[in-house]
Amino acid sequence: MEKSNQIFLMTNKKGFSLIEVVVALVILSTSVLTIYNLILSTSGSIYKLEDHYLAKEVANNRIALIHTIEKPNISSIRKGTSLMGGKEWSWEEIYTSGASEEFLQYEIRVKQYNANEYAYKINGYILND
């Protein structure tokens, strides 16, 4: 009879209880959800950062053209579109008189075509020729 009790005690020691399994599943599901949310927020940030960078490059191209070929007129607004990074960008240049007559102040705004928000804005001054 002692032998049967020992066998019974040994079989009870094997396996996990229901509570242990539930706790393990809660920990696993919490970890998976946290990692999933991290991946979503990171990928969203990457796309936003990429758009910001591309819009900045469009604005830098506009500034280079302002300084070389496309000299602006005082108090004018110019608009147009550019392709950059496989996307179409809408830009707007606003020129106003600066602190002195020697300078024109400009503001360049860039957004994706048909977007509501500007992805990049920059202000600066250019010599008034």
N, C-alpha and C. Protein backbone atom coordinates (compact mmCIF):
# COMPACT_ATOMS: atom_id res chain seq x y z
N MET A 1 0.80 -1.17 0.00
CA MET A 1 0.00 0.00 0.00
C MET A 1 0.86 1.26 0.00
N GLU A 2 1.97 1.16 0.62
CA GLU A 2 2.87 2.31 0.63
C GLU A 2 3.33 2.64 -0.78
N LYS A 3 3.54 1.60 -1.55
CA LYS A 3 4.01 1.81 -2.90
C LYS A 3 2.98 2.55 -3.74
N SER A 4 1.71 2.26 -3.60
CA SER A 4 0.67 2.93 -4.38
C SER A 4 0.54 4.40 -3.97
N ASN A 5 0.75 4.70 -2.69
CA ASN A 5 0.72 6.10 -2.25
C ASN A 5 1.89 6.89 -2.85
N GLN A 6 3.02 6.26 -2.94
CA GLN A 6 4.17 6.94 -3.53
C GLN A 6 3.94 7.21 -5.01
N ILE A 7 3.36 6.30 -5.73
CA ILE A 7 3.05 6.50 -7.14
C ILE A 7 2.03 7.62 -7.28
N PHE A 8 1.02 7.66 -6.44
CA PHE A 8 0.01 8.71 -6.49
C PHE A 8 0.63 10.07 -6.22
N LEU A 9 1.53 10.17 -5.27
CA LEU A 9 2.19 11.45 -4.97
C LEU A 9 3.08 11.89 -6.11
N MET A 10 3.72 11.00 -6.78
CA MET A 10 4.60 11.35 -7.90
C MET A 10 3.80 11.85 -9.09
N THR A 11 2.64 11.28 -9.36
CA THR A 11 1.84 11.73 -10.49
C THR A 11 1.23 13.10 -10.23
N ASN A 12 0.99 13.48 -9.02
CA ASN A 12 0.44 14.80 -8.72
C ASN A 12 1.48 15.91 -8.90
N LYS A 13 2.73 15.60 -8.90
CA LYS A 13 3.78 16.61 -9.01
C LYS A 13 4.04 17.00 -10.46
N LYS A 14 3.55 16.28 -11.43
CA LYS A 14 3.79 16.57 -12.84
C LYS A 14 2.76 17.55 -13.37
N GLY A 15 3.20 18.44 -14.33
CA GLY A 15 2.28 19.35 -15.00
C GLY A 15 2.11 20.67 -14.28
N PHE A 16 1.29 21.54 -14.88
CA PHE A 16 1.03 22.88 -14.34
C PHE A 16 -0.41 22.96 -13.87
N SER A 17 -0.63 23.78 -12.90
CA SER A 17 -2.01 24.00 -12.45
C SER A 17 -2.67 25.00 -13.40
N LEU A 18 -3.97 25.07 -13.31
CA LEU A 18 -4.74 25.99 -14.16
C LEU A 18 -4.35 27.45 -13.87
N ILE A 19 -4.12 27.78 -12.65
CA ILE A 19 -3.73 29.16 -12.27
C ILE A 19 -2.39 29.52 -12.89
N GLU A 20 -1.45 28.61 -12.87
CA GLU A 20 -0.13 28.87 -13.48
C GLU A 20 -0.25 29.11 -14.98
N VAL A 21 -1.09 28.33 -15.64
CA VAL A 21 -1.30 28.50 -17.08
C VAL A 21 -1.95 29.84 -17.38
N VAL A 22 -2.95 30.23 -16.61
CA VAL A 22 -3.63 31.52 -16.81
C VAL A 22 -2.66 32.68 -16.59
N VAL A 23 -1.87 32.63 -15.54
CA VAL A 23 -0.89 33.69 -15.27
C VAL A 23 0.12 33.78 -16.41
N ALA A 24 0.58 32.64 -16.90
CA ALA A 24 1.53 32.64 -18.02
C ALA A 24 0.91 33.24 -19.28
N LEU A 25 -0.35 32.92 -19.55
CA LEU A 25 -1.03 33.48 -20.72
C LEU A 25 -1.25 34.98 -20.58
N VAL A 26 -1.55 35.47 -19.40
CA VAL A 26 -1.73 36.91 -19.17
C VAL A 26 -0.41 37.64 -19.42
N ILE A 27 0.67 37.09 -18.90
CA ILE A 27 1.99 37.70 -19.11
C ILE A 27 2.36 37.69 -20.58
N LEU A 28 2.12 36.59 -21.26
CA LEU A 28 2.43 36.49 -22.68
C LEU A 28 1.60 37.46 -23.51
N SER A 29 0.31 37.53 -23.24
CA SER A 29 -0.55 38.43 -24.02
C SER A 29 -0.21 39.89 -23.77
N THR A 30 0.14 40.25 -22.55
CA THR A 30 0.55 41.62 -22.25
C THR A 30 1.84 41.96 -22.99
N SER A 31 2.77 41.04 -23.03
CA SER A 31 4.02 41.26 -23.75
C SER A 31 3.78 41.43 -25.25
N VAL A 32 2.95 40.58 -25.82
CA VAL A 32 2.65 40.66 -27.25
C VAL A 32 1.97 41.98 -27.58
N LEU A 33 1.01 42.41 -26.78
CA LEU A 33 0.33 43.69 -27.03
C LEU A 33 1.29 44.88 -26.91
N THR A 34 2.18 44.83 -25.96
CA THR A 34 3.16 45.90 -25.80
C THR A 34 4.08 45.97 -27.00
N ILE A 35 4.56 44.86 -27.46
CA ILE A 35 5.44 44.83 -28.63
C ILE A 35 4.70 45.29 -29.87
N TYR A 36 3.45 44.88 -30.04
CA TYR A 36 2.63 45.29 -31.18
C TYR A 36 2.44 46.81 -31.18
N ASN A 37 2.12 47.39 -30.03
CA ASN A 37 1.95 48.84 -29.94
C ASN A 37 3.26 49.57 -30.23
N LEU A 38 4.36 49.03 -29.79
CA LEU A 38 5.66 49.62 -30.06
C LEU A 38 5.96 49.62 -31.55
N ILE A 39 5.67 48.53 -32.21
CA ILE A 39 5.89 48.44 -33.66
C ILE A 39 5.01 49.44 -34.40
N LEU A 40 3.74 49.55 -34.01
CA LEU A 40 2.84 50.50 -34.67
C LEU A 40 3.31 51.94 -34.50
N SER A 41 3.68 52.31 -33.29
CA SER A 41 4.10 53.70 -33.07
C SER A 41 5.42 53.99 -33.76
N THR A 42 6.31 53.03 -33.81
CA THR A 42 7.59 53.23 -34.48
C THR A 42 7.41 53.38 -35.98
N SER A 43 6.59 52.54 -36.57
CA SER A 43 6.38 52.64 -38.02
C SER A 43 5.67 53.95 -38.37
N GLY A 44 4.73 54.40 -37.54
CA GLY A 44 4.09 55.69 -37.77
C GLY A 44 5.08 56.82 -37.68
N SER A 45 5.98 56.76 -36.72
CA SER A 45 7.00 57.80 -36.57
C SER A 45 7.96 57.80 -37.76
N ILE A 46 8.29 56.64 -38.27
CA ILE A 46 9.20 56.55 -39.41
C ILE A 46 8.59 57.21 -40.63
N TYR A 47 7.30 56.95 -40.90
CA TYR A 47 6.66 57.57 -42.06
C TYR A 47 6.56 59.09 -41.89
N LYS A 48 6.26 59.54 -40.70
CA LYS A 48 6.17 60.98 -40.46
C LYS A 48 7.53 61.64 -40.60
N LEU A 49 8.57 61.00 -40.10
CA LEU A 49 9.92 61.52 -40.22
C LEU A 49 10.37 61.56 -41.67
N GLU A 50 10.02 60.53 -42.43
CA GLU A 50 10.38 60.49 -43.84
C GLU A 50 9.69 61.64 -44.59
N ASP A 51 8.42 61.87 -44.32
CA ASP A 51 7.70 62.97 -44.96
C ASP A 51 8.30 64.31 -44.59
N HIS A 52 8.68 64.48 -43.33
CA HIS A 52 9.30 65.72 -42.88
C HIS A 52 10.62 65.95 -43.63
N TYR A 53 11.41 64.90 -43.76
CA TYR A 53 12.69 65.01 -44.45
C TYR A 53 12.50 65.37 -45.92
N LEU A 54 11.57 64.70 -46.60
CA LEU A 54 11.32 64.97 -48.01
C LEU A 54 10.79 66.39 -48.21
N ALA A 55 9.90 66.84 -47.32
CA ALA A 55 9.39 68.21 -47.42
C ALA A 55 10.51 69.22 -47.20
N LYS A 56 11.43 68.92 -46.30
CA LYS A 56 12.57 69.80 -46.06
C LYS A 56 13.45 69.89 -47.30
N GLU A 57 13.63 68.77 -47.97
CA GLU A 57 14.43 68.79 -49.20
C GLU A 57 13.76 69.60 -50.30
N VAL A 58 12.44 69.53 -50.40
CA VAL A 58 11.71 70.36 -51.37
C VAL A 58 11.94 71.83 -51.04
N ALA A 59 11.85 72.19 -49.76
CA ALA A 59 12.07 73.58 -49.35
C ALA A 59 13.51 74.00 -49.63
N ASN A 60 14.47 73.13 -49.38
CA ASN A 60 15.88 73.46 -49.67
C ASN A 60 16.10 73.67 -51.16
N ASN A 61 15.44 72.88 -51.99
CA ASN A 61 15.54 73.08 -53.44
C ASN A 61 14.96 74.44 -53.84
N ARG A 62 13.85 74.80 -53.21
CA ARG A 62 13.24 76.11 -53.51
C ARG A 62 14.17 77.25 -53.09
N ILE A 63 14.82 77.11 -51.94
CA ILE A 63 15.76 78.14 -51.47
C ILE A 63 16.93 78.26 -52.44
N ALA A 64 17.44 77.14 -52.92
CA ALA A 64 18.54 77.18 -53.89
C ALA A 64 18.12 77.89 -55.17
N LEU A 65 16.89 77.64 -55.62
CA LEU A 65 16.39 78.32 -56.82
C LEU A 65 16.17 79.81 -56.57
N ILE A 66 15.73 80.16 -55.39
CA ILE A 66 15.53 81.57 -55.05
C ILE A 66 16.86 82.32 -55.12
N HIS A 67 17.91 81.71 -54.63
CA HIS A 67 19.22 82.35 -54.60
C HIS A 67 19.90 82.38 -55.97
N THR A 68 19.47 81.57 -56.92
CA THR A 68 20.16 81.50 -58.21
C THR A 68 19.28 81.98 -59.37
N ILE A 69 18.28 81.23 -59.72
CA ILE A 69 17.54 81.48 -60.96
C ILE A 69 16.26 82.28 -60.74
N GLU A 70 15.48 81.90 -59.78
CA GLU A 70 14.14 82.47 -59.60
C GLU A 70 14.13 83.56 -58.53
N LYS A 71 14.66 84.72 -58.85
CA LYS A 71 14.67 85.83 -57.90
C LYS A 71 13.23 86.30 -57.67
N PRO A 72 12.83 86.50 -56.42
CA PRO A 72 11.44 86.89 -56.13
C PRO A 72 11.21 88.39 -56.26
N ASN A 73 9.95 88.75 -56.40
CA ASN A 73 9.52 90.14 -56.35
C ASN A 73 9.09 90.45 -54.92
N ILE A 74 9.13 91.72 -54.56
CA ILE A 74 8.72 92.12 -53.22
C ILE A 74 7.22 91.88 -53.05
N SER A 75 6.84 91.45 -51.90
CA SER A 75 5.44 91.19 -51.52
C SER A 75 4.71 90.36 -52.57
N SER A 76 5.19 89.15 -52.78
CA SER A 76 4.54 88.26 -53.74
C SER A 76 4.37 86.87 -53.13
N ILE A 77 3.54 86.11 -53.78
CA ILE A 77 3.29 84.72 -53.37
C ILE A 77 3.46 83.84 -54.61
N ARG A 78 4.22 82.78 -54.46
CA ARG A 78 4.38 81.81 -55.54
C ARG A 78 3.97 80.44 -55.03
N LYS A 79 3.34 79.68 -55.91
CA LYS A 79 2.90 78.32 -55.56
C LYS A 79 3.31 77.38 -56.67
N GLY A 80 3.46 76.11 -56.31
CA GLY A 80 3.79 75.11 -57.30
C GLY A 80 3.82 73.73 -56.70
N THR A 81 4.22 72.77 -57.51
CA THR A 81 4.34 71.39 -57.06
C THR A 81 5.70 70.84 -57.47
N SER A 82 6.18 69.86 -56.74
CA SER A 82 7.45 69.19 -57.03
C SER A 82 7.30 67.71 -56.72
N LEU A 83 8.07 66.90 -57.41
CA LEU A 83 8.14 65.47 -57.11
C LEU A 83 9.40 65.22 -56.29
N MET A 84 9.24 64.50 -55.19
CA MET A 84 10.39 64.16 -54.35
C MET A 84 10.07 62.86 -53.64
N GLY A 85 10.94 61.89 -53.74
CA GLY A 85 10.76 60.62 -53.05
C GLY A 85 9.54 59.84 -53.52
N GLY A 86 9.19 60.01 -54.79
CA GLY A 86 8.03 59.30 -55.32
C GLY A 86 6.69 59.88 -54.90
N LYS A 87 6.72 61.07 -54.28
CA LYS A 87 5.48 61.71 -53.83
C LYS A 87 5.40 63.10 -54.45
N GLU A 88 4.19 63.58 -54.63
CA GLU A 88 4.00 64.93 -55.14
C GLU A 88 3.81 65.89 -53.97
N TRP A 89 4.57 66.97 -53.99
CA TRP A 89 4.56 67.95 -52.91
C TRP A 89 4.07 69.28 -53.44
N SER A 90 3.27 69.94 -52.65
CA SER A 90 2.78 71.28 -52.96
C SER A 90 3.55 72.27 -52.11
N TRP A 91 4.10 73.31 -52.73
CA TRP A 91 4.86 74.31 -51.98
C TRP A 91 4.27 75.70 -52.22
N GLU A 92 4.52 76.55 -51.25
CA GLU A 92 4.05 77.93 -51.31
C GLU A 92 5.15 78.83 -50.75
N GLU A 93 5.48 79.89 -51.50
CA GLU A 93 6.49 80.85 -51.06
C GLU A 93 5.82 82.20 -50.87
N ILE A 94 6.05 82.79 -49.72
CA ILE A 94 5.47 84.10 -49.40
C ILE A 94 6.62 85.06 -49.15
N TYR A 95 6.64 86.17 -49.89
CA TYR A 95 7.70 87.18 -49.76
C TYR A 95 7.11 88.47 -49.23
N THR A 96 7.77 89.02 -48.23
CA THR A 96 7.38 90.30 -47.66
C THR A 96 8.64 91.14 -47.47
N SER A 97 8.45 92.44 -47.28
CA SER A 97 9.61 93.29 -47.05
C SER A 97 10.22 92.96 -45.70
N GLY A 98 11.54 93.02 -45.63
CA GLY A 98 12.25 92.67 -44.41
C GLY A 98 12.39 93.86 -43.48
N ALA A 99 13.29 93.74 -42.53
CA ALA A 99 13.52 94.81 -41.56
C ALA A 99 14.09 96.05 -42.23
N SER A 100 14.86 95.86 -43.30
CA SER A 100 15.36 96.99 -44.08
C SER A 100 15.06 96.72 -45.55
N GLU A 101 15.28 97.71 -46.39
CA GLU A 101 14.98 97.55 -47.81
C GLU A 101 15.97 96.64 -48.52
N GLU A 102 17.07 96.33 -47.87
CA GLU A 102 18.08 95.46 -48.47
C GLU A 102 17.65 94.00 -48.52
N PHE A 103 16.72 93.63 -47.65
CA PHE A 103 16.34 92.22 -47.53
C PHE A 103 14.86 92.00 -47.78
N LEU A 104 14.59 90.83 -48.33
CA LEU A 104 13.22 90.32 -48.43
C LEU A 104 13.09 89.16 -47.45
N GLN A 105 11.98 89.12 -46.76
CA GLN A 105 11.72 87.99 -45.87
C GLN A 105 10.89 86.97 -46.65
N TYR A 106 11.22 85.70 -46.49
CA TYR A 106 10.44 84.66 -47.16
C TYR A 106 9.98 83.62 -46.15
N GLU A 107 8.89 82.99 -46.49
CA GLU A 107 8.40 81.83 -45.77
C GLU A 107 8.04 80.79 -46.82
N ILE A 108 8.57 79.60 -46.65
CA ILE A 108 8.27 78.50 -47.57
C ILE A 108 7.53 77.44 -46.78
N ARG A 109 6.39 77.03 -47.32
CA ARG A 109 5.57 75.98 -46.70
C ARG A 109 5.45 74.83 -47.68
N VAL A 110 5.64 73.62 -47.17
CA VAL A 110 5.59 72.44 -48.03
C VAL A 110 4.66 71.41 -47.39
N LYS A 111 3.81 70.83 -48.22
CA LYS A 111 2.92 69.75 -47.77
C LYS A 111 2.73 68.77 -48.91
N GLN A 112 2.27 67.59 -48.57
CA GLN A 112 1.94 66.64 -49.63
C GLN A 112 0.75 67.18 -50.40
N TYR A 113 0.74 66.89 -51.67
CA TYR A 113 -0.34 67.37 -52.53
C TYR A 113 -1.68 66.90 -51.98
N ASN A 114 -2.61 67.79 -51.84
CA ASN A 114 -3.96 67.56 -51.31
C ASN A 114 -3.99 67.25 -49.82
N ALA A 115 -2.91 67.50 -49.09
CA ALA A 115 -2.91 67.30 -47.64
C ALA A 115 -3.42 68.57 -46.96
N ASN A 116 -3.87 68.44 -45.73
CA ASN A 116 -4.38 69.60 -44.99
C ASN A 116 -3.29 70.31 -44.20
N GLU A 117 -2.34 69.58 -43.67
CA GLU A 117 -1.29 70.14 -42.83
C GLU A 117 0.02 70.26 -43.59
N TYR A 118 0.77 71.32 -43.28
CA TYR A 118 2.10 71.47 -43.85
C TYR A 118 3.07 70.54 -43.12
N ALA A 119 3.89 69.87 -43.89
CA ALA A 119 4.88 68.96 -43.30
C ALA A 119 6.14 69.70 -42.89
N TYR A 120 6.37 70.89 -43.52
CA TYR A 120 7.59 71.63 -43.21
C TYR A 120 7.37 73.11 -43.53
N LYS A 121 7.89 73.96 -42.66
CA LYS A 121 7.85 75.42 -42.87
C LYS A 121 9.22 75.97 -42.53
N ILE A 122 9.65 76.96 -43.31
CA ILE A 122 10.94 77.61 -43.02
C ILE A 122 10.83 79.10 -43.34
N ASN A 123 11.48 79.89 -42.52
CA ASN A 123 11.53 81.35 -42.72
C ASN A 123 12.98 81.74 -42.94
N GLY A 124 13.17 82.81 -43.69
CA GLY A 124 14.53 83.30 -43.90
C GLY A 124 14.52 84.63 -44.61
N TYR A 125 15.72 85.09 -44.94
CA TYR A 125 15.89 86.37 -45.63
C TYR A 125 16.74 86.18 -46.85
N ILE A 126 16.48 87.00 -47.86
CA ILE A 126 17.26 86.99 -49.08
C ILE A 126 17.59 88.44 -49.42
N LEU A 127 18.74 88.63 -50.04
CA LEU A 127 19.18 89.96 -50.43
C LEU A 127 18.26 90.47 -51.52
N ASN A 128 17.75 91.68 -51.38
CA ASN A 128 16.84 92.28 -52.35
C ASN A 128 17.68 93.00 -53.41
N ASP A 129 17.71 92.43 -54.60
CA ASP A 129 18.52 93.03 -55.69
C ASP A 129 17.79 94.14 -56.39
